[in-house]
Amino acid sequence: MAEMYIEQFSKVGFDVAWALSAEQGLEKLNQGAPNLILLDLLLPLKSGLYFLEKLRQRPDKKISQIPVVILSNYDDQETKKKAKQLSVSGHLLKTDFTPKELVAEIKRIYKH
């Protein structure tokens, strides 16, 4: 699934990096700050909320304030509330979008 998203975003000019786990994503932030993070809540070992909490705790504001859009099939109201408290820019359900539609929605949310 990630490969489909990467392909679609790359086709329209996004420079895409991806991580398979919260830990890997946090480690990638040491290489530089992306302009936007698409975050799944259901990740192996540690959740997407764990990643988001750690991201927001980073001392470097360039990293801690990166816009985050949740992209998940997990639609729990309590989790959405917690994510909103952690300043997410949006919460999208994977099942509501084809990869092309997702690109269009991200472009709408985040002016690329």
PDB file of N, CA and C in Angstrom:
ATOM      1  N   MET A   1       0.823  -1.191   0.000  1.00  0.00           N
ATOM      2  CA  MET A   1       0.000   0.000   0.000  1.00  0.00           C
ATOM      3  C   MET A   1       0.871   1.261   0.000  1.00  0.00           C
ATOM      4  N   ALA A   2       1.905   1.252   0.825  1.00  0.00           N
ATOM      5  CA  ALA A   2       2.795   2.413   0.900  1.00  0.00           C
ATOM      6  C   ALA A   2       3.409   2.711  -0.462  1.00  0.00           C
ATOM      7  N   GLU A   3       3.763   1.674  -1.203  1.00  0.00           N
ATOM      8  CA  GLU A   3       4.373   1.869  -2.515  1.00  0.00           C
ATOM      9  C   GLU A   3       3.431   2.588  -3.478  1.00  0.00           C
ATOM     10  N   MET A   4       2.129   2.286  -3.390  1.00  0.00           N
ATOM     11  CA  MET A   4       1.154   2.976  -4.245  1.00  0.00           C
ATOM     12  C   MET A   4       1.118   4.459  -3.906  1.00  0.00           C
ATOM     13  N   TYR A   5       1.097   4.780  -2.615  1.00  0.00           N
ATOM     14  CA  TYR A   5       1.068   6.180  -2.201  1.00  0.00           C
ATOM     15  C   TYR A   5       2.348   6.899  -2.621  1.00  0.00           C
ATOM     16  N   ILE A   6       3.484   6.256  -2.404  1.00  0.00           N
ATOM     17  CA  ILE A   6       4.766   6.853  -2.776  1.00  0.00           C
ATOM     18  C   ILE A   6       4.785   7.171  -4.266  1.00  0.00           C
ATOM     19  N   GLU A   7       4.338   6.226  -5.074  1.00  0.00           N
ATOM     20  CA  GLU A   7       4.310   6.426  -6.525  1.00  0.00           C
ATOM     21  C   GLU A   7       3.428   7.609  -6.908  1.00  0.00           C
ATOM     22  N   GLN A   8       2.235   7.688  -6.347  1.00  0.00           N
ATOM     23  CA  GLN A   8       1.309   8.766  -6.697  1.00  0.00           C
ATOM     24  C   GLN A   8       1.838  10.134  -6.267  1.00  0.00           C
ATOM     25  N   PHE A   9       2.386  10.216  -5.065  1.00  0.00           N
ATOM     26  CA  PHE A   9       2.924  11.491  -4.594  1.00  0.00           C
ATOM     27  C   PHE A   9       4.155  11.897  -5.397  1.00  0.00           C
ATOM     28  N   SER A  10       4.992  10.938  -5.734  1.00  0.00           N
ATOM     29  CA  SER A  10       6.199  11.221  -6.522  1.00  0.00           C
ATOM     30  C   SER A  10       5.842  11.724  -7.912  1.00  0.00           C
ATOM     31  N   LYS A  11       4.795  11.168  -8.508  1.00  0.00           N
ATOM     32  CA  LYS A  11       4.363  11.565  -9.858  1.00  0.00           C
ATOM     33  C   LYS A  11       4.027  13.045  -9.953  1.00  0.00           C
ATOM     34  N   VAL A  12       3.525  13.613  -8.856  1.00  0.00           N
ATOM     35  CA  VAL A  12       3.117  15.025  -8.897  1.00  0.00           C
ATOM     36  C   VAL A  12       4.152  15.947  -8.259  1.00  0.00           C
ATOM     37  N   GLY A  13       5.347  15.419  -8.017  1.00  0.00           N
ATOM     38  CA  GLY A  13       6.438  16.278  -7.588  1.00  0.00           C
ATOM     39  C   GLY A  13       6.781  16.295  -6.110  1.00  0.00           C
ATOM     40  N   PHE A  14       6.096  15.489  -5.317  1.00  0.00           N
ATOM     41  CA  PHE A  14       6.461  15.414  -3.904  1.00  0.00           C
ATOM     42  C   PHE A  14       7.737  14.591  -3.765  1.00  0.00           C
ATOM     43  N   ASP A  15       8.632  15.026  -2.900  1.00  0.00           N
ATOM     44  CA  ASP A  15       9.816  14.258  -2.541  1.00  0.00           C
ATOM     45  C   ASP A  15       9.398  13.405  -1.346  1.00  0.00           C
ATOM     46  N   VAL A  16       9.354  12.100  -1.509  1.00  0.00           N
ATOM     47  CA  VAL A  16       8.758  11.209  -0.513  1.00  0.00           C
ATOM     48  C   VAL A  16       9.812  10.379   0.211  1.00  0.00           C
ATOM     49  N   ALA A  17       9.713  10.362   1.533  1.00  0.00           N
ATOM     50  CA  ALA A  17      10.491   9.447   2.371  1.00  0.00           C
ATOM     51  C   ALA A  17       9.473   8.716   3.235  1.00  0.00           C
ATOM     52  N   TRP A  18       9.768   7.494   3.602  1.00  0.00           N
ATOM     53  CA  TRP A  18       8.795   6.768   4.408  1.00  0.00           C
ATOM     54  C   TRP A  18       9.487   5.890   5.434  1.00  0.00           C
ATOM     55  N   ALA A  19       8.716   5.557   6.456  1.00  0.00           N
ATOM     56  CA  ALA A  19       9.204   4.711   7.545  1.00  0.00           C
ATOM     57  C   ALA A  19       8.129   3.678   7.858  1.00  0.00           C
ATOM     58  N   LEU A  20       8.570   2.517   8.289  1.00  0.00           N
ATOM     59  CA  LEU A  20       7.631   1.431   8.581  1.00  0.00           C
ATOM     60  C   LEU A  20       7.181   1.394  10.039  1.00  0.00           C
ATOM     61  N   SER A  21       7.866   2.138  10.902  1.00  0.00           N
ATOM     62  CA  SER A  21       7.514   2.119  12.327  1.00  0.00           C
ATOM     63  C   SER A  21       7.681   3.514  12.914  1.00  0.00           C
ATOM     64  N   ALA A  22       7.117   3.711  14.097  1.00  0.00           N
ATOM     65  CA  ALA A  22       7.269   4.984  14.792  1.00  0.00           C
ATOM     66  C   ALA A  22       8.737   5.267  15.068  1.00  0.00           C
ATOM     67  N   GLU A  23       9.453   4.253  15.525  1.00  0.00           N
ATOM     68  CA  GLU A  23      10.866   4.422  15.849  1.00  0.00           C
ATOM     69  C   GLU A  23      11.675   4.820  14.608  1.00  0.00           C
ATOM     70  N   GLN A  24      11.414   4.153  13.501  1.00  0.00           N
ATOM     71  CA  GLN A  24      12.119   4.462  12.258  1.00  0.00           C
ATOM     72  C   GLN A  24      11.785   5.884  11.797  1.00  0.00           C
ATOM     73  N   GLY A  25      10.543   6.272  11.944  1.00  0.00           N
ATOM     74  CA  GLY A  25      10.137   7.629  11.578  1.00  0.00           C
ATOM     75  C   GLY A  25      10.820   8.682  12.430  1.00  0.00           C
ATOM     76  N   LEU A  26      10.911   8.438  13.724  1.00  0.00           N
ATOM     77  CA  LEU A  26      11.595   9.373  14.614  1.00  0.00           C
ATOM     78  C   LEU A  26      13.075   9.468  14.271  1.00  0.00           C
ATOM     79  N   GLU A  27      13.667   8.352  13.923  1.00  0.00           N
ATOM     80  CA  GLU A  27      15.081   8.336  13.532  1.00  0.00           C
ATOM     81  C   GLU A  27      15.292   9.134  12.240  1.00  0.00           C
ATOM     82  N   LYS A  28      14.382   9.004  11.289  1.00  0.00           N
ATOM     83  CA  LYS A  28      14.505   9.731  10.015  1.00  0.00           C
ATOM     84  C   LYS A  28      14.461  11.242  10.217  1.00  0.00           C
ATOM     85  N   LEU A  29      13.795  11.668  11.272  1.00  0.00           N
ATOM     86  CA  LEU A  29      13.731  13.108  11.542  1.00  0.00           C
ATOM     87  C   LEU A  29      15.110  13.687  11.855  1.00  0.00           C
ATOM     88  N   ASN A  30      16.035  12.842  12.274  1.00  0.00           N
ATOM     89  CA  ASN A  30      17.399  13.298  12.536  1.00  0.00           C
ATOM     90  C   ASN A  30      18.128  13.658  11.238  1.00  0.00           C
ATOM     91  N   GLN A  31      17.604  13.191  10.111  1.00  0.00           N
ATOM     92  CA  GLN A  31      18.210  13.465   8.804  1.00  0.00           C
ATOM     93  C   GLN A  31      17.683  14.761   8.194  1.00  0.00           C
ATOM     94  N   GLY A  32      16.639  15.312   8.768  1.00  0.00           N
ATOM     95  CA  GLY A  32      16.067  16.548   8.253  1.00  0.00           C
ATOM     96  C   GLY A  32      14.567  16.588   8.471  1.00  0.00           C
ATOM     97  N   ALA A  33      14.031  17.779   8.403  1.00  0.00           N
ATOM     98  CA  ALA A  33      12.609  17.991   8.658  1.00  0.00           C
ATOM     99  C   ALA A  33      11.817  18.005   7.357  1.00  0.00           C
ATOM    100  N   PRO A  34      10.865  17.099   7.210  1.00  0.00           N
ATOM    101  CA  PRO A  34      10.002  17.149   6.025  1.00  0.00           C
ATOM    102  C   PRO A  34       9.010  18.306   6.144  1.00  0.00           C
ATOM    103  N   ASN A  35       8.379  18.639   5.052  1.00  0.00           N
ATOM    104  CA  ASN A  35       7.368  19.699   5.051  1.00  0.00           C
ATOM    105  C   ASN A  35       6.033  19.225   5.608  1.00  0.00           C
ATOM    106  N   LEU A  36       5.792  17.918   5.539  1.00  0.00           N
ATOM    107  CA  LEU A  36       4.516  17.345   5.951  1.00  0.00           C
ATOM    108  C   LEU A  36       4.719  15.874   6.277  1.00  0.00           C
ATOM    109  N   ILE A  37       3.980  15.385   7.266  1.00  0.00           N
ATOM    110  CA  ILE A  37       4.021  13.958   7.610  1.00  0.00           C
ATOM    111  C   ILE A  37       2.623  13.381   7.461  1.00  0.00           C
ATOM    112  N   LEU A  38       2.506  12.286   6.702  1.00  0.00           N
ATOM    113  CA  LEU A  38       1.286  11.477   6.671  1.00  0.00           C
ATOM    114  C   LEU A  38       1.539  10.346   7.650  1.00  0.00           C
ATOM    115  N   LEU A  39       0.670  10.203   8.631  1.00  0.00           N
ATOM    116  CA  LEU A  39       0.911   9.277   9.731  1.00  0.00           C
ATOM    117  C   LEU A  39      -0.224   8.285   9.894  1.00  0.00           C
ATOM    118  N   ASP A  40       0.109   7.014   9.829  1.00  0.00           N
ATOM    119  CA  ASP A  40      -0.866   5.965  10.145  1.00  0.00           C
ATOM    120  C   ASP A  40      -0.858   5.778  11.656  1.00  0.00           C
ATOM    121  N   LEU A  41      -1.991   5.522  12.236  1.00  0.00           N
ATOM    122  CA  LEU A  41      -2.070   5.305  13.678  1.00  0.00           C
ATOM    123  C   LEU A  41      -1.702   3.878  14.059  1.00  0.00           C
ATOM    124  N   LEU A  42      -1.925   2.951  13.139  1.00  0.00           N
ATOM    125  CA  LEU A  42      -1.660   1.541  13.415  1.00  0.00           C
ATOM    126  C   LEU A  42      -0.288   1.163  12.855  1.00  0.00           C
ATOM    127  N   LEU A  43       0.700   1.216  13.709  1.00  0.00           N
ATOM    128  CA  LEU A  43       2.080   0.898  13.333  1.00  0.00           C
ATOM    129  C   LEU A  43       2.569  -0.268  14.193  1.00  0.00           C
ATOM    130  N   PRO A  44       3.572  -0.999  13.724  1.00  0.00           N
ATOM    131  CA  PRO A  44       4.112  -2.088  14.542  1.00  0.00           C
ATOM    132  C   PRO A  44       4.819  -1.543  15.786  1.00  0.00           C
ATOM    133  N   LEU A  45       4.728  -2.248  16.862  1.00  0.00           N
ATOM    134  CA  LEU A  45       5.372  -1.950  18.149  1.00  0.00           C
ATOM    135  C   LEU A  45       4.805  -0.719  18.835  1.00  0.00           C
ATOM    136  N   LYS A  46       5.067   0.463  18.339  1.00  0.00           N
ATOM    137  CA  LYS A  46       4.571   1.712  18.934  1.00  0.00           C
ATOM    138  C   LYS A  46       3.562   2.337  17.978  1.00  0.00           C
ATOM    139  N   SER A  47       2.549   2.971  18.532  1.00  0.00           N
ATOM    140  CA  SER A  47       1.461   3.522  17.717  1.00  0.00           C
ATOM    141  C   SER A  47       1.852   4.837  17.052  1.00  0.00           C
ATOM    142  N   GLY A  48       1.016   5.250  16.145  1.00  0.00           N
ATOM    143  CA  GLY A  48       1.182   6.548  15.517  1.00  0.00           C
ATOM    144  C   GLY A  48       1.049   7.679  16.531  1.00  0.00           C
ATOM    145  N   LEU A  49       0.193   7.495  17.539  1.00  0.00           N
ATOM    146  CA  LEU A  49       0.075   8.510  18.588  1.00  0.00           C
ATOM    147  C   LEU A  49       1.383   8.643  19.374  1.00  0.00           C
ATOM    148  N   TYR A  50       2.061   7.528  19.603  1.00  0.00           N
ATOM    149  CA  TYR A  50       3.369   7.568  20.258  1.00  0.00           C
ATOM    150  C   TYR A  50       4.325   8.432  19.429  1.00  0.00           C
ATOM    151  N   PHE A  51       4.359   8.179  18.123  1.00  0.00           N
ATOM    152  CA  PHE A  51       5.202   8.976  17.229  1.00  0.00           C
ATOM    153  C   PHE A  51       4.846  10.449  17.346  1.00  0.00           C
ATOM    154  N   LEU A  52       3.566  10.751  17.298  1.00  0.00           N
ATOM    155  CA  LEU A  52       3.104  12.133  17.333  1.00  0.00           C
ATOM    156  C   LEU A  52       3.486  12.814  18.647  1.00  0.00           C
ATOM    157  N   GLU A  53       3.327  12.104  19.754  1.00  0.00           N
ATOM    158  CA  GLU A  53       3.718  12.661  21.056  1.00  0.00           C
ATOM    159  C   GLU A  53       5.213  12.968  21.083  1.00  0.00           C
ATOM    160  N   LYS A  54       6.028  12.036  20.614  1.00  0.00           N
ATOM    161  CA  LYS A  54       7.481  12.230  20.596  1.00  0.00           C
ATOM    162  C   LYS A  54       7.872  13.362  19.639  1.00  0.00           C
ATOM    163  N   LEU A  55       7.194  13.442  18.514  1.00  0.00           N
ATOM    164  CA  LEU A  55       7.449  14.521  17.555  1.00  0.00           C
ATOM    165  C   LEU A  55       7.204  15.872  18.207  1.00  0.00           C
ATOM    166  N   ARG A  56       6.070  16.026  18.865  1.00  0.00           N
ATOM    167  CA  ARG A  56       5.695  17.305  19.469  1.00  0.00           C
ATOM    168  C   ARG A  56       6.592  17.673  20.658  1.00  0.00           C
ATOM    169  N   GLN A  57       7.275  16.692  21.233  1.00  0.00           N
ATOM    170  CA  GLN A  57       8.175  16.940  22.361  1.00  0.00           C
ATOM    171  C   GLN A  57       9.586  17.335  21.920  1.00  0.00           C
ATOM    172  N   ARG A  58       9.875  17.237  20.647  1.00  0.00           N
ATOM    173  CA  ARG A  58      11.229  17.556  20.168  1.00  0.00           C
ATOM    174  C   ARG A  58      11.543  19.021  20.470  1.00  0.00           C
ATOM    175  N   PRO A  59      12.759  19.308  20.921  1.00  0.00           N
ATOM    176  CA  PRO A  59      13.110  20.696  21.258  1.00  0.00           C
ATOM    177  C   PRO A  59      13.251  21.611  20.033  1.00  0.00           C
ATOM    178  N   ASP A  60      13.577  21.057  18.883  1.00  0.00           N
ATOM    179  CA  ASP A  60      13.745  21.834  17.658  1.00  0.00           C
ATOM    180  C   ASP A  60      12.370  22.128  17.055  1.00  0.00           C
ATOM    181  N   LYS A  61      11.954  23.386  17.085  1.00  0.00           N
ATOM    182  CA  LYS A  61      10.617  23.754  16.598  1.00  0.00           C
ATOM    183  C   LYS A  61      10.434  23.445  15.109  1.00  0.00           C
ATOM    184  N   LYS A  62      11.519  23.478  14.350  1.00  0.00           N
ATOM    185  CA  LYS A  62      11.419  23.146  12.924  1.00  0.00           C
ATOM    186  C   LYS A  62      10.899  21.717  12.754  1.00  0.00           C
ATOM    187  N   ILE A  63      11.232  20.853  13.686  1.00  0.00           N
ATOM    188  CA  ILE A  63      10.766  19.464  13.651  1.00  0.00           C
ATOM    189  C   ILE A  63       9.466  19.297  14.430  1.00  0.00           C
ATOM    190  N   SER A  64       9.407  19.842  15.630  1.00  0.00           N
ATOM    191  CA  SER A  64       8.235  19.608  16.488  1.00  0.00           C
ATOM    192  C   SER A  64       6.949  20.200  15.924  1.00  0.00           C
ATOM    193  N   GLN A  65       7.066  21.165  15.036  1.00  0.00           N
ATOM    194  CA  GLN A  65       5.873  21.810  14.484  1.00  0.00           C
ATOM    195  C   GLN A  65       5.573  21.409  13.038  1.00  0.00           C
ATOM    196  N   ILE A  66       6.170  20.314  12.590  1.00  0.00           N
ATOM    197  CA  ILE A  66       5.870  19.819  11.243  1.00  0.00           C
ATOM    198  C   ILE A  66       4.378  19.480  11.168  1.00  0.00           C
ATOM    199  N   PRO A  67       3.686  19.942  10.139  1.00  0.00           N
ATOM    200  CA  PRO A  67       2.280  19.566   9.989  1.00  0.00           C
ATOM    201  C   PRO A  67       2.143  18.048   9.811  1.00  0.00           C
ATOM    202  N   VAL A  68       1.141  17.482  10.487  1.00  0.00           N
ATOM    203  CA  VAL A  68       0.886  16.043  10.424  1.00  0.00           C
ATOM    204  C   VAL A  68      -0.567  15.817  10.024  1.00  0.00           C
ATOM    205  N   VAL A  69      -0.756  14.963   9.033  1.00  0.00           N
ATOM    206  CA  VAL A  69      -2.089  14.520   8.636  1.00  0.00           C
ATOM    207  C   VAL A  69      -2.166  13.032   8.942  1.00  0.00           C
ATOM    208  N   ILE A  70      -3.157  12.657   9.745  1.00  0.00           N
ATOM    209  CA  ILE A  70      -3.386  11.249  10.045  1.00  0.00           C
ATOM    210  C   ILE A  70      -4.021  10.608   8.818  1.00  0.00           C
ATOM    211  N   LEU A  71      -3.469   9.490   8.391  1.00  0.00           N
ATOM    212  CA  LEU A  71      -4.017   8.701   7.291  1.00  0.00           C
ATOM    213  C   LEU A  71      -4.112   7.267   7.790  1.00  0.00           C
ATOM    214  N   SER A  72      -5.307   6.860   8.153  1.00  0.00           N
ATOM    215  CA  SER A  72      -5.466   5.563   8.807  1.00  0.00           C
ATOM    216  C   SER A  72      -6.870   5.023   8.566  1.00  0.00           C
ATOM    217  N   ASN A  73      -7.026   3.741   8.786  1.00  0.00           N
ATOM    218  CA  ASN A  73      -8.369   3.154   8.801  1.00  0.00           C
ATOM    219  C   ASN A  73      -8.907   3.077  10.226  1.00  0.00           C
ATOM    220  N   TYR A  74      -8.101   3.488  11.185  1.00  0.00           N
ATOM    221  CA  TYR A  74      -8.498   3.483  12.585  1.00  0.00           C
ATOM    222  C   TYR A  74      -9.276   4.757  12.854  1.00  0.00           C
ATOM    223  N   ASP A  75     -10.533   4.619  13.241  1.00  0.00           N
ATOM    224  CA  ASP A  75     -11.441   5.760  13.343  1.00  0.00           C
ATOM    225  C   ASP A  75     -12.068   5.879  14.730  1.00  0.00           C
ATOM    226  N   ASP A  76     -11.284   5.659  15.755  1.00  0.00           N
ATOM    227  CA  ASP A  76     -11.752   5.744  17.136  1.00  0.00           C
ATOM    228  C   ASP A  76     -11.851   7.207  17.569  1.00  0.00           C
ATOM    229  N   GLN A  77     -12.965   7.607  18.136  1.00  0.00           N
ATOM    230  CA  GLN A  77     -13.188   9.005  18.510  1.00  0.00           C
ATOM    231  C   GLN A  77     -12.207   9.498  19.579  1.00  0.00           C
ATOM    232  N   GLU A  78     -11.890   8.662  20.553  1.00  0.00           N
ATOM    233  CA  GLU A  78     -10.948   9.052  21.602  1.00  0.00           C
ATOM    234  C   GLU A  78      -9.548   9.284  21.016  1.00  0.00           C
ATOM    235  N   THR A  79      -9.162   8.438  20.092  1.00  0.00           N
ATOM    236  CA  THR A  79      -7.862   8.592  19.446  1.00  0.00           C
ATOM    237  C   THR A  79      -7.836   9.859  18.604  1.00  0.00           C
ATOM    238  N   LYS A  80      -8.918  10.130  17.905  1.00  0.00           N
ATOM    239  CA  LYS A  80      -9.006  11.354  17.109  1.00  0.00           C
ATOM    240  C   LYS A  80      -8.900  12.591  18.007  1.00  0.00           C
ATOM    241  N   LYS A  81      -9.531  12.536  19.168  1.00  0.00           N
ATOM    242  CA  LYS A  81      -9.481  13.643  20.121  1.00  0.00           C
ATOM    243  C   LYS A  81      -8.038  13.876  20.590  1.00  0.00           C
ATOM    244  N   LYS A  82      -7.359  12.792  20.933  1.00  0.00           N
ATOM    245  CA  LYS A  82      -5.966  12.879  21.385  1.00  0.00           C
ATOM    246  C   LYS A  82      -5.081  13.446  20.264  1.00  0.00           C
ATOM    247  N   ALA A  83      -5.286  12.978  19.036  1.00  0.00           N
ATOM    248  CA  ALA A  83      -4.504  13.473  17.899  1.00  0.00           C
ATOM    249  C   ALA A  83      -4.752  14.968  17.693  1.00  0.00           C
ATOM    250  N   LYS A  84      -5.980  15.387  17.843  1.00  0.00           N
ATOM    251  CA  LYS A  84      -6.307  16.812  17.687  1.00  0.00           C
ATOM    252  C   LYS A  84      -5.598  17.643  18.756  1.00  0.00           C
ATOM    253  N   GLN A  85      -5.534  17.115  19.973  1.00  0.00           N
ATOM    254  CA  GLN A  85      -4.815  17.805  21.051  1.00  0.00           C
ATOM    255  C   GLN A  85      -3.325  17.933  20.723  1.00  0.00           C
ATOM    256  N   LEU A  86      -2.828  17.031  19.899  1.00  0.00           N
ATOM    257  CA  LEU A  86      -1.424  17.058  19.479  1.00  0.00           C
ATOM    258  C   LEU A  86      -1.253  17.801  18.153  1.00  0.00           C
ATOM    259  N   SER A  87      -2.250  18.600  17.817  1.00  0.00           N
ATOM    260  CA  SER A  87      -2.183  19.532  16.681  1.00  0.00           C
ATOM    261  C   SER A  87      -2.019  18.884  15.313  1.00  0.00           C
ATOM    262  N   VAL A  88      -2.839  17.882  15.010  1.00  0.00           N
ATOM    263  CA  VAL A  88      -2.804  17.343  13.651  1.00  0.00           C
ATOM    264  C   VAL A  88      -3.543  18.296  12.717  1.00  0.00           C
ATOM    265  N   SER A  89      -3.124  18.300  11.473  1.00  0.00           N
ATOM    266  CA  SER A  89      -3.735  19.178  10.470  1.00  0.00           C
ATOM    267  C   SER A  89      -4.976  18.563   9.840  1.00  0.00           C
ATOM    268  N   GLY A  90      -5.138  17.260   9.994  1.00  0.00           N
ATOM    269  CA  GLY A  90      -6.295  16.582   9.432  1.00  0.00           C
ATOM    270  C   GLY A  90      -6.282  15.115   9.790  1.00  0.00           C
ATOM    271  N   HIS A  91      -7.437  14.475   9.610  1.00  0.00           N
ATOM    272  CA  HIS A  91      -7.576  13.045   9.872  1.00  0.00           C
ATOM    273  C   HIS A  91      -8.356  12.448   8.708  1.00  0.00           C
ATOM    274  N   LEU A  92      -7.685  11.634   7.920  1.00  0.00           N
ATOM    275  CA  LEU A  92      -8.303  11.044   6.733  1.00  0.00           C
ATOM    276  C   LEU A  92      -8.368   9.531   6.875  1.00  0.00           C
ATOM    277  N   LEU A  93      -9.470   8.969   6.404  1.00  0.00           N
ATOM    278  CA  LEU A  93      -9.608   7.515   6.385  1.00  0.00           C
ATOM    279  C   LEU A  93      -9.101   6.994   5.044  1.00  0.00           C
ATOM    280  N   LYS A  94      -8.222   6.019   5.094  1.00  0.00           N
ATOM    281  CA  LYS A  94      -7.657   5.438   3.865  1.00  0.00           C
ATOM    282  C   LYS A  94      -8.753   4.951   2.925  1.00  0.00           C
ATOM    283  N   THR A  95      -9.791   4.358   3.506  1.00  0.00           N
ATOM    284  CA  THR A  95     -10.845   3.759   2.688  1.00  0.00           C
ATOM    285  C   THR A  95     -11.678   4.793   1.936  1.00  0.00           C
ATOM    286  N   ASP A  96     -11.552   6.064   2.295  1.00  0.00           N
ATOM    287  CA  ASP A  96     -12.330   7.109   1.620  1.00  0.00           C
ATOM    288  C   ASP A  96     -11.657   7.647   0.359  1.00  0.00           C
ATOM    289  N   PHE A  97     -10.407   7.228   0.095  1.00  0.00           N
ATOM    290  CA  PHE A  97      -9.644   7.824  -0.998  1.00  0.00           C
ATOM    291  C   PHE A  97      -8.898   6.773  -1.806  1.00  0.00           C
ATOM    292  N   THR A  98      -8.904   6.946  -3.114  1.00  0.00           N
ATOM    293  CA  THR A  98      -7.950   6.218  -3.947  1.00  0.00           C
ATOM    294  C   THR A  98      -6.617   6.946  -3.776  1.00  0.00           C
ATOM    295  N   PRO A  99      -5.510   6.340  -4.182  1.00  0.00           N
ATOM    296  CA  PRO A  99      -4.237   7.063  -4.069  1.00  0.00           C
ATOM    297  C   PRO A  99      -4.240   8.420  -4.783  1.00  0.00           C
ATOM    298  N   LYS A 100      -4.833   8.499  -5.968  1.00  0.00           N
ATOM    299  CA  LYS A 100      -4.898   9.773  -6.686  1.00  0.00           C
ATOM    300  C   LYS A 100      -5.751  10.795  -5.938  1.00  0.00           C
ATOM    301  N   GLU A 101      -6.868  10.347  -5.393  1.00  0.00           N
ATOM    302  CA  GLU A 101      -7.732  11.243  -4.629  1.00  0.00           C
ATOM    303  C   GLU A 101      -7.025  11.724  -3.357  1.00  0.00           C
ATOM    304  N   LEU A 102      -6.241  10.844  -2.768  1.00  0.00           N
ATOM    305  CA  LEU A 102      -5.491  11.223  -1.574  1.00  0.00           C
ATOM    306  C   LEU A 102      -4.493  12.333  -1.893  1.00  0.00           C
ATOM    307  N   VAL A 103      -3.792  12.206  -2.998  1.00  0.00           N
ATOM    308  CA  VAL A 103      -2.848  13.247  -3.411  1.00  0.00           C
ATOM    309  C   VAL A 103      -3.579  14.585  -3.553  1.00  0.00           C
ATOM    310  N   ALA A 104      -4.727  14.570  -4.208  1.00  0.00           N
ATOM    311  CA  ALA A 104      -5.507  15.801  -4.394  1.00  0.00           C
ATOM    312  C   ALA A 104      -5.936  16.379  -3.047  1.00  0.00           C
ATOM    313  N   GLU A 105      -6.338  15.539  -2.126  1.00  0.00           N
ATOM    314  CA  GLU A 105      -6.770  16.004  -0.806  1.00  0.00           C
ATOM    315  C   GLU A 105      -5.602  16.587  -0.017  1.00  0.00           C
ATOM    316  N   ILE A 106      -4.457  15.945  -0.082  1.00  0.00           N
ATOM    317  CA  ILE A 106      -3.269  16.469   0.612  1.00  0.00           C
ATOM    318  C   ILE A 106      -2.853  17.806   0.004  1.00  0.00           C
ATOM    319  N   LYS A 107      -2.921  17.915  -1.294  1.00  0.00           N
ATOM    320  CA  LYS A 107      -2.601  19.189  -1.940  1.00  0.00           C
ATOM    321  C   LYS A 107      -3.579  20.272  -1.502  1.00  0.00           C
ATOM    322  N   ARG A 108      -4.825  19.906  -1.260  1.00  0.00           N
ATOM    323  CA  ARG A 108      -5.828  20.864  -0.798  1.00  0.00           C
ATOM    324  C   ARG A 108      -5.527  21.297   0.647  1.00  0.00           C
ATOM    325  N   ILE A 109      -5.186  20.319   1.500  1.00  0.00           N
ATOM    326  CA  ILE A 109      -4.905  20.606   2.907  1.00  0.00           C
ATOM    327  C   ILE A 109      -3.599  21.375   3.052  1.00  0.00           C
ATOM    328  N   TYR A 110      -2.589  20.903   2.335  1.00  0.00           N
ATOM    329  CA  TYR A 110      -1.252  21.471   2.450  1.00  0.00           C
ATOM    330  C   TYR A 110      -0.866  22.037   1.096  1.00  0.00           C
ATOM    331  N   LYS A 111      -0.786  23.310   1.001  1.00  0.00           N
ATOM    332  CA  LYS A 111      -0.506  23.974  -0.282  1.00  0.00           C
ATOM    333  C   LYS A 111       0.909  23.676  -0.732  1.00  0.00           C
ATOM    334  N   HIS A 112       1.073  22.631  -1.563  1.00  0.00           N
ATOM    335  CA  HIS A 112       2.388  22.205  -2.081  1.00  0.00           C
ATOM    336  C   HIS A 112       2.738  22.980  -3.320  1.00  0.00           C
TER     337      HIS A 112
END
